[in-house]
Amino acid sequence: MTSTAVPLEPLTPRSRRPKLATGTFAGAVFLMATSAIGPGFLTQTAVFTAQLGASFGFAILLSILLDIGAQLNVWRIIAVSGLRAQDIANRVLPGLGGLLAVAVATGGLAFNVGNVAGAALGLEVLVGVPLRYGAAASAAIAILLFIRPDAGRAMDRATQLLGILMIGLTAYVALTAKPPMGEAALRTVWPGEVSFLTIVTLVGGTVGGYITFAGGHRLLDAGVHGVEVLPAVDRSAVTGIVLTGVMRVLLFLAAFGVVAGGATLAAGNPAAAVFGAAAGSVGMRLFGIVMWAAAITSVIGASYTSVSFLRTLSPLVERQHRRVIIGFITFSTVVFLLVGNPVQVLVMVGAFNGLLLPLSLGVMLVAAHRRSVVGEYRHPLWLTVAGVVVVVAVAVMAMGELGRRL
């Protein structure tokens, strides 16, 4: 089954489009960015900095380049076609959309369990709330957002505000950590060690799984699509990756400053150890805020985008999509309460979603050259090449790491 996206907030009349589009694009940018900047993002960055030291900067740089190649392709094809990713996949090969939807929604669920875990960790550090109560309270806040009549706009405002807050607080901690900037800069371009698993995990945690499509699907639901909006789509896709890159670099510098100073990061909550070692008790409070903000925005993004993959595959989900989103959040919370072990969950889900990227991006690249999907639009050759490079690079790194472990 295929269909065009059903606008939640169409940009009409035409005379109002420039003003409304600005806010809509910002909402899509921050939804994508804050979906990526989740608790797994914080945990992975701290863990990998402790393992690789200054050489982790190279992994960040390479992952950003791969991320940009992936997002430019995906956002463009969604905007040109006016279709959600699963509908595009069905036009490439009937039935493929269902497979993609199940794969992305499953990965989104795994990610969301980690997101709920991160929210619980954040509240535990900030105000001492036990994990199970912190998880339940955070889930309730996210659910209340989707109960609102203006859920789309409320989601945009929440992700923008909390995204700016996270970056600002992390910048403060990075300054207090006083990292060796010279060594960090050198190893970013001339690493002493390269870890393929780290790069795959970073890419998977930033543009893998549901995150690949979060911004593009948000634009469709806001009624933004067509060839005429491609320049703004391109800028938005790159801006989203730049925001995640800024946050990743700031957290890396904070962690590197702490590790270079001789501190050992606690295995149970390595990201919290970074903030605490850099800024003491104040840093721990700041970590609680950052972790909770990262987690709650990622709960929003994961739930919204994962369910968007099911909407056009099921008329029932299309009619009741808000209730399905609420059920998705509730189920994720229950799974976390039963499974526990948040740090392990946070590290592994990024690698899982990294394995989905070659499939999802590969489908979009094939669709970019199908008239049944994009009509008369001609996809730039350089973007196709960039996308193929991302697919091959991530697939090779993933298979190489898998072979090494077998």
Protein backbone atom coordinates (compact mmCIF):
# COMPACT_ATOMS: atom_id res chain seq x y z
CA MET A 1 0.00 0.00 0.00
CA THR A 2 1.31 3.45 -0.85
CA SER A 3 0.01 6.91 -0.18
CA THR A 4 1.18 10.44 0.19
CA ALA A 5 1.76 11.88 3.62
CA VAL A 6 -1.20 13.45 5.38
CA PRO A 7 -0.24 17.00 6.46
CA LEU A 8 -0.66 17.79 10.14
CA GLU A 9 0.02 21.50 9.74
CA PRO A 10 -0.17 22.48 6.04
CA LEU A 11 1.60 25.66 5.03
CA THR A 12 -1.30 27.65 3.60
CA PRO A 13 -2.08 30.11 2.20
CA ARG A 14 0.91 30.52 -0.15
CA SER A 15 1.54 34.12 0.98
CA ARG A 16 2.34 32.84 4.46
CA ARG A 17 4.72 30.07 3.38
CA PRO A 18 8.08 31.81 3.97
CA LYS A 19 7.32 32.64 7.59
CA LEU A 20 5.73 29.32 8.46
CA ALA A 21 8.37 27.32 6.59
CA THR A 22 11.15 28.86 8.68
CA GLY A 23 9.64 27.54 11.90
CA THR A 24 8.77 24.22 10.32
CA PHE A 25 12.27 23.62 9.03
CA ALA A 26 13.70 24.55 12.43
CA GLY A 27 11.34 22.03 14.01
CA ALA A 28 12.49 19.30 11.62
CA VAL A 29 16.16 20.17 12.22
CA PHE A 30 15.85 19.98 16.00
CA LEU A 31 13.67 16.87 15.92
CA MET A 32 16.38 15.09 13.95
CA ALA A 33 19.24 16.54 16.02
CA THR A 34 17.71 15.91 19.44
CA SER A 35 16.63 12.43 18.36
CA ALA A 36 20.31 11.75 17.70
CA ILE A 37 21.53 13.57 20.82
CA GLY A 38 20.00 11.08 23.17
CA PRO A 39 21.26 9.31 26.28
CA GLY A 40 23.02 6.73 24.10
CA PHE A 41 24.84 9.59 22.37
CA LEU A 42 26.11 10.86 25.73
CA THR A 43 27.06 7.42 27.03
CA GLN A 44 28.76 6.29 23.82
CA THR A 45 30.80 9.49 23.57
CA ALA A 46 32.09 9.14 27.13
CA VAL A 47 32.87 5.43 26.73
CA PHE A 48 34.68 5.83 23.41
CA THR A 49 36.67 8.84 24.60
CA ALA A 50 37.91 6.78 27.54
CA GLN A 51 38.89 3.97 25.15
CA LEU A 52 40.47 5.98 22.31
CA GLY A 53 41.49 9.25 23.92
CA ALA A 54 42.32 12.04 21.45
CA SER A 55 41.98 9.63 18.49
CA PHE A 56 38.24 9.58 19.08
CA GLY A 57 38.20 12.96 17.32
CA PHE A 58 38.96 11.19 14.02
CA ALA A 59 35.98 8.88 14.48
CA ILE A 60 33.78 11.93 15.09
CA LEU A 61 35.07 13.71 11.98
CA LEU A 62 34.58 10.71 9.71
CA SER A 63 31.14 9.97 11.14
CA ILE A 64 30.00 13.57 10.50
CA LEU A 65 31.02 13.33 6.85
CA LEU A 66 29.16 10.02 6.49
CA ASP A 67 26.14 11.48 8.29
CA ILE A 68 25.91 14.43 5.90
CA GLY A 69 26.03 12.14 2.88
CA ALA A 70 23.23 10.02 4.30
CA GLN A 71 20.94 12.83 5.37
CA LEU A 72 21.19 14.90 2.19
CA ASN A 73 20.07 11.91 0.14
CA VAL A 74 17.24 10.85 2.42
CA TRP A 75 15.75 14.29 3.05
CA ARG A 76 15.87 15.15 -0.67
CA ILE A 77 14.11 12.00 -1.87
CA ILE A 78 11.38 12.29 0.76
CA ALA A 79 10.81 15.96 -0.11
CA VAL A 80 10.74 15.40 -3.88
CA SER A 81 8.46 12.37 -3.75
CA GLY A 82 6.12 13.65 -1.06
CA LEU A 83 6.11 10.11 0.33
CA ARG A 84 7.21 8.56 3.59
CA ALA A 85 10.15 6.19 3.42
CA GLN A 86 8.09 2.99 3.64
CA ASP A 87 5.92 4.11 0.70
CA ILE A 88 9.03 4.92 -1.30
CA ALA A 89 10.37 1.43 -0.54
CA ASN A 90 7.13 -0.15 -1.73
CA ARG A 91 7.49 1.63 -5.07
CA VAL A 92 11.02 0.29 -5.40
CA LEU A 93 9.86 -3.25 -4.63
CA PRO A 94 6.36 -4.21 -3.47
CA GLY A 95 6.49 -5.45 0.11
CA LEU A 96 9.85 -3.85 0.84
CA GLY A 97 8.11 -1.00 2.65
CA GLY A 98 6.67 -3.39 5.18
CA LEU A 99 10.09 -4.90 5.83
CA LEU A 100 11.66 -1.47 6.22
CA ALA A 101 8.87 -0.32 8.51
CA VAL A 102 9.22 -3.34 10.78
CA ALA A 103 13.03 -3.02 10.88
CA VAL A 104 12.95 0.71 11.66
CA ALA A 105 10.15 0.44 14.20
CA THR A 106 11.95 -2.43 15.96
CA GLY A 107 15.16 -0.43 16.07
CA GLY A 108 13.19 2.59 17.27
CA LEU A 109 11.73 0.52 20.09
CA ALA A 110 15.19 -0.65 21.13
CA PHE A 111 16.39 2.94 21.02
CA ASN A 112 13.38 4.11 23.00
CA VAL A 113 14.05 1.64 25.80
CA GLY A 114 17.48 3.26 26.06
CA ASN A 115 15.89 6.71 25.94
CA VAL A 116 13.60 5.90 28.86
CA ALA A 117 16.63 4.51 30.70
CA GLY A 118 18.46 7.79 30.10
CA ALA A 119 15.56 9.85 31.40
CA ALA A 120 15.51 7.73 34.55
CA LEU A 121 19.27 8.14 35.01
CA GLY A 122 19.00 11.88 34.54
CA LEU A 123 16.31 12.35 37.18
CA GLU A 124 18.12 10.04 39.57
CA VAL A 125 21.23 12.22 39.37
CA LEU A 126 19.32 15.52 39.39
CA VAL A 127 16.82 14.99 42.21
CA GLY A 128 17.50 11.50 43.57
CA VAL A 129 14.36 9.88 42.13
CA PRO A 130 14.64 6.07 41.91
CA LEU A 131 15.04 4.79 38.37
CA ARG A 132 11.61 3.19 38.06
CA TYR A 133 9.79 6.34 39.21
CA GLY A 134 11.95 8.58 37.05
CA ALA A 135 11.17 6.44 34.01
CA ALA A 136 7.44 6.53 34.70
CA ALA A 137 7.40 10.30 35.29
CA SER A 138 9.36 11.01 32.11
CA ALA A 139 7.10 8.79 30.05
CA ALA A 140 4.07 10.60 31.45
CA ILE A 141 5.51 13.98 30.39
CA ALA A 142 6.10 12.73 26.84
CA ILE A 143 2.60 11.28 26.69
CA LEU A 144 1.07 14.58 27.80
CA LEU A 145 2.80 16.28 24.88
CA PHE A 146 1.08 14.00 22.37
CA ILE A 147 -2.30 14.42 24.04
CA ARG A 148 -2.24 18.15 23.23
CA PRO A 149 -4.32 19.28 20.23
CA ASP A 150 -1.27 21.13 18.85
CA ALA A 151 1.09 18.19 19.40
CA GLY A 152 3.15 18.93 16.29
CA ARG A 153 3.97 22.50 17.24
CA ALA A 154 4.47 21.58 20.90
CA MET A 155 6.94 18.89 19.83
CA ASP A 156 8.86 21.42 17.72
CA ARG A 157 9.06 23.96 20.54
CA ALA A 158 10.13 21.39 23.12
CA THR A 159 12.93 19.94 20.99
CA GLN A 160 14.27 23.39 20.07
CA LEU A 161 14.33 24.68 23.65
CA LEU A 162 15.83 21.55 25.16
CA GLY A 163 18.32 21.16 22.31
CA ILE A 164 19.73 24.65 22.86
CA LEU A 165 19.84 24.02 26.62
CA MET A 166 21.85 20.80 26.20
CA ILE A 167 24.44 22.38 23.94
CA GLY A 168 24.88 25.41 26.21
CA LEU A 169 25.38 23.40 29.39
CA THR A 170 27.77 20.95 27.72
CA ALA A 171 29.83 23.85 26.35
CA TYR A 172 30.25 25.13 29.91
CA VAL A 173 31.44 21.72 31.13
CA ALA A 174 33.87 21.42 28.19
CA LEU A 175 35.43 24.78 29.13
CA THR A 176 35.84 23.76 32.77
CA ALA A 177 37.46 20.43 31.79
CA LYS A 178 40.38 22.24 30.06
CA PRO A 179 41.15 19.52 27.46
CA PRO A 180 44.56 19.43 25.66
CA MET A 181 43.30 21.11 22.48
CA GLY A 182 46.51 20.64 20.51
CA GLU A 183 46.53 16.88 20.94
CA ALA A 184 42.81 16.65 20.23
CA ALA A 185 43.23 18.62 16.97
CA LEU A 186 46.23 16.54 15.86
CA ARG A 187 44.62 13.16 16.48
CA THR A 188 41.41 14.27 14.78
CA VAL A 189 43.28 14.33 11.46
CA TRP A 190 46.12 11.90 12.32
CA PRO A 191 44.70 9.26 14.67
CA GLY A 192 46.86 6.93 16.67
CA GLU A 193 44.09 4.31 16.64
CA VAL A 194 41.06 3.69 14.42
CA SER A 195 38.08 1.66 15.61
CA PHE A 196 35.57 0.60 12.95
CA LEU A 197 33.05 -0.44 15.58
CA THR A 198 33.20 3.06 17.05
CA ILE A 199 32.56 4.70 13.69
CA VAL A 200 29.67 2.34 12.86
CA THR A 201 28.16 2.98 16.29
CA LEU A 202 28.47 6.76 15.93
CA VAL A 203 26.88 6.75 12.48
CA GLY A 204 24.15 4.39 13.65
CA GLY A 205 23.44 6.55 16.69
CA THR A 206 23.27 9.75 14.59
CA VAL A 207 21.60 8.78 11.30
CA GLY A 208 20.80 5.09 11.70
CA GLY A 209 17.39 3.53 12.08
CA TYR A 210 14.49 5.90 12.62
CA ILE A 211 16.73 8.98 13.02
CA THR A 212 17.54 8.90 9.29
CA PHE A 213 13.92 9.78 8.55
CA ALA A 214 12.87 11.89 11.54
CA GLY A 215 13.36 15.28 9.90
CA GLY A 216 12.06 14.27 6.48
CA HIS A 217 8.88 12.76 7.88
CA ARG A 218 8.31 15.82 10.07
CA LEU A 219 8.47 18.07 7.01
CA LEU A 220 5.94 15.89 5.20
CA ASP A 221 3.55 16.02 8.13
CA ALA A 222 3.89 19.81 8.08
CA GLY A 223 2.96 19.87 4.38
CA VAL A 224 6.46 20.70 3.10
CA HIS A 225 7.51 18.86 -0.07
CA GLY A 226 8.32 19.49 -3.70
CA VAL A 227 11.34 20.39 -5.82
CA GLU A 228 10.98 24.10 -5.00
CA VAL A 229 11.85 23.54 -1.32
CA LEU A 230 15.04 21.51 -1.97
CA PRO A 231 17.49 24.35 -1.17
CA ALA A 232 15.90 24.75 2.27
CA VAL A 233 15.77 20.98 2.69
CA ASP A 234 19.51 20.72 1.96
CA ARG A 235 20.36 23.47 4.45
CA SER A 236 18.19 21.88 7.09
CA ALA A 237 19.70 18.42 6.63
CA VAL A 238 23.25 19.75 6.96
CA THR A 239 22.29 22.01 9.89
CA GLY A 240 20.88 19.05 11.79
CA ILE A 241 24.12 17.12 11.39
CA VAL A 242 26.19 20.18 12.32
CA LEU A 243 24.21 20.55 15.54
CA THR A 244 24.82 16.93 16.47
CA GLY A 245 28.49 17.35 15.55
CA VAL A 246 28.85 20.40 17.78
CA MET A 247 27.32 18.54 20.70
CA ARG A 248 29.49 15.47 20.06
CA VAL A 249 32.68 17.57 19.90
CA LEU A 250 31.82 19.49 23.09
CA LEU A 251 31.15 16.28 25.00
CA PHE A 252 34.30 14.68 23.58
CA LEU A 253 36.41 17.64 24.69
CA ALA A 254 34.87 17.53 28.16
CA ALA A 255 35.53 13.79 28.46
CA PHE A 256 39.03 14.07 27.00
CA GLY A 257 39.92 16.83 29.44
CA VAL A 258 38.81 14.65 32.32
CA VAL A 259 40.56 11.50 31.06
CA ALA A 260 43.76 13.40 30.21
CA GLY A 261 43.75 14.73 33.77
CA GLY A 262 43.98 11.17 35.10
CA ALA A 263 40.37 10.52 36.07
CA THR A 264 38.77 7.13 35.52
CA LEU A 265 35.18 7.13 34.27
CA ALA A 266 32.80 5.01 36.30
CA ALA A 267 31.46 2.11 34.24
CA GLY A 268 27.96 2.45 35.69
CA ASN A 269 27.43 6.01 34.43
CA PRO A 270 30.46 7.25 32.45
CA ALA A 271 28.84 10.42 31.13
CA ALA A 272 27.93 11.52 34.65
CA ALA A 273 31.52 10.91 35.71
CA VAL A 274 32.68 13.36 33.03
CA PHE A 275 30.43 16.15 34.26
CA GLY A 276 31.25 15.45 37.91
CA ALA A 277 35.03 15.35 37.39
CA ALA A 278 34.95 18.54 35.32
CA ALA A 279 32.66 20.69 37.47
CA GLY A 280 32.11 18.92 40.79
CA SER A 281 28.68 18.82 42.36
CA VAL A 282 27.44 21.54 40.02
CA GLY A 283 28.58 19.41 37.10
CA MET A 284 26.56 16.46 38.39
CA ARG A 285 23.44 18.62 38.52
CA LEU A 286 24.13 19.85 35.01
CA PHE A 287 24.56 16.26 33.86
CA GLY A 288 21.16 15.40 35.29
CA ILE A 289 19.58 18.21 33.28
CA VAL A 290 21.45 17.35 30.07
CA MET A 291 20.78 13.62 30.34
CA TRP A 292 17.09 14.11 31.03
CA ALA A 293 16.70 16.67 28.22
CA ALA A 294 18.53 14.39 25.80
CA ALA A 295 16.40 11.45 26.83
CA ILE A 296 12.97 13.09 26.77
CA THR A 297 13.54 14.67 23.35
CA SER A 298 14.70 11.31 22.03
CA VAL A 299 11.64 9.59 23.48
CA ILE A 300 9.56 12.12 21.54
CA GLY A 301 11.54 11.68 18.33
CA ALA A 302 11.76 7.89 18.45
CA SER A 303 8.08 7.43 19.18
CA TYR A 304 6.86 9.95 16.61
CA THR A 305 9.10 8.70 13.79
CA SER A 306 8.74 4.98 14.48
CA VAL A 307 4.95 5.23 14.42
CA SER A 308 5.11 7.33 11.23
CA PHE A 309 6.50 4.20 9.54
CA LEU A 310 3.38 2.26 10.46
CA ARG A 311 0.78 4.89 9.57
CA THR A 312 0.49 4.28 5.83
CA LEU A 313 0.80 0.51 6.25
CA SER A 314 -2.27 0.30 8.47
CA PRO A 315 -5.46 2.37 8.18
CA LEU A 316 -6.08 1.79 11.89
CA VAL A 317 -2.69 3.23 12.84
CA GLU A 318 -3.31 6.17 10.50
CA ARG A 319 -6.59 6.98 12.23
CA GLN A 320 -5.29 6.40 15.75
CA HIS A 321 -1.64 7.40 15.34
CA ARG A 322 -1.52 9.55 18.50
CA ARG A 323 -2.83 6.68 20.60
CA VAL A 324 -0.29 4.37 18.96
CA ILE A 325 2.50 6.82 19.82
CA ILE A 326 1.31 6.86 23.44
CA GLY A 327 1.23 3.06 23.43
CA PHE A 328 4.75 2.99 21.98
CA ILE A 329 6.04 5.17 24.80
CA THR A 330 4.22 3.10 27.42
CA PHE A 331 5.52 -0.20 26.06
CA SER A 332 9.10 1.11 25.92
CA THR A 333 8.85 2.15 29.55
CA VAL A 334 7.51 -1.23 30.63
CA VAL A 335 10.35 -3.00 28.79
CA PHE A 336 12.94 -0.86 30.54
CA LEU A 337 11.38 -1.52 33.95
CA LEU A 338 11.54 -5.25 33.28
CA VAL A 339 14.99 -5.40 31.62
CA GLY A 340 16.99 -2.67 33.36
CA ASN A 341 20.77 -2.39 32.72
CA PRO A 342 20.52 1.03 31.04
CA VAL A 343 24.19 1.62 30.14
CA GLN A 344 24.47 -1.65 28.20
CA VAL A 345 21.24 -0.85 26.36
CA LEU A 346 22.44 2.67 25.50
CA VAL A 347 25.71 1.50 23.96
CA MET A 348 24.32 -1.42 21.94
CA VAL A 349 21.31 0.23 20.28
CA GLY A 350 23.55 2.59 18.32
CA ALA A 351 25.41 -0.32 16.75
CA PHE A 352 22.10 -2.06 15.97
CA ASN A 353 20.75 0.96 14.11
CA GLY A 354 24.07 1.36 12.30
CA LEU A 355 23.46 -2.04 10.71
CA LEU A 356 20.10 -0.79 9.38
CA LEU A 357 21.61 2.20 7.60
CA PRO A 358 22.96 0.38 4.49
CA LEU A 359 19.48 -1.10 3.90
CA SER A 360 17.47 2.08 4.42
CA LEU A 361 19.83 4.41 2.58
CA GLY A 362 20.34 1.87 -0.21
CA VAL A 363 16.59 1.78 -0.82
CA MET A 364 16.47 5.58 -1.00
CA LEU A 365 19.34 5.70 -3.51
CA VAL A 366 17.54 3.25 -5.81
CA ALA A 367 14.34 5.28 -5.44
CA ALA A 368 16.18 8.49 -6.37
CA HIS A 369 16.43 7.17 -9.91
CA ARG A 370 12.90 5.77 -10.26
CA ARG A 371 10.41 7.96 -12.11
CA SER A 372 7.59 6.24 -10.26
CA VAL A 373 8.99 7.86 -7.12
CA VAL A 374 10.59 11.19 -8.13
CA GLY A 375 8.96 11.92 -11.50
CA GLU A 376 11.08 14.19 -13.69
CA TYR A 377 13.47 15.14 -10.90
CA ARG A 378 17.12 14.32 -11.57
CA HIS A 379 19.12 13.42 -8.49
CA PRO A 380 22.63 14.97 -8.53
CA LEU A 381 25.35 12.48 -9.40
CA TRP A 382 27.59 13.67 -6.57
CA LEU A 383 24.86 12.97 -4.03
CA THR A 384 24.34 9.48 -5.42
CA VAL A 385 28.07 8.82 -5.23
CA ALA A 386 28.21 10.20 -1.67
CA GLY A 387 25.31 7.98 -0.67
CA VAL A 388 26.90 4.88 -2.20
CA VAL A 389 30.13 5.67 -0.35
CA VAL A 390 28.20 5.83 2.94
CA VAL A 391 26.38 2.55 2.26
CA VAL A 392 29.57 0.70 1.27
CA ALA A 393 31.69 2.21 4.05
CA VAL A 394 29.23 1.44 6.83
CA ALA A 395 28.51 -2.05 5.47
CA VAL A 396 32.22 -2.92 5.13
CA MET A 397 33.07 -1.56 8.59
CA ALA A 398 30.14 -3.43 10.13
CA MET A 399 30.99 -6.71 8.40
CA GLY A 400 34.68 -6.31 9.22
CA GLU A 401 33.94 -5.77 12.87
CA LEU A 402 31.50 -8.70 12.88
CA GLY A 403 34.11 -10.95 11.26
CA ARG A 404 36.70 -9.90 13.81
CA ARG A 405 34.41 -10.84 16.66
CA LEU A 406 33.36 -14.24 15.24
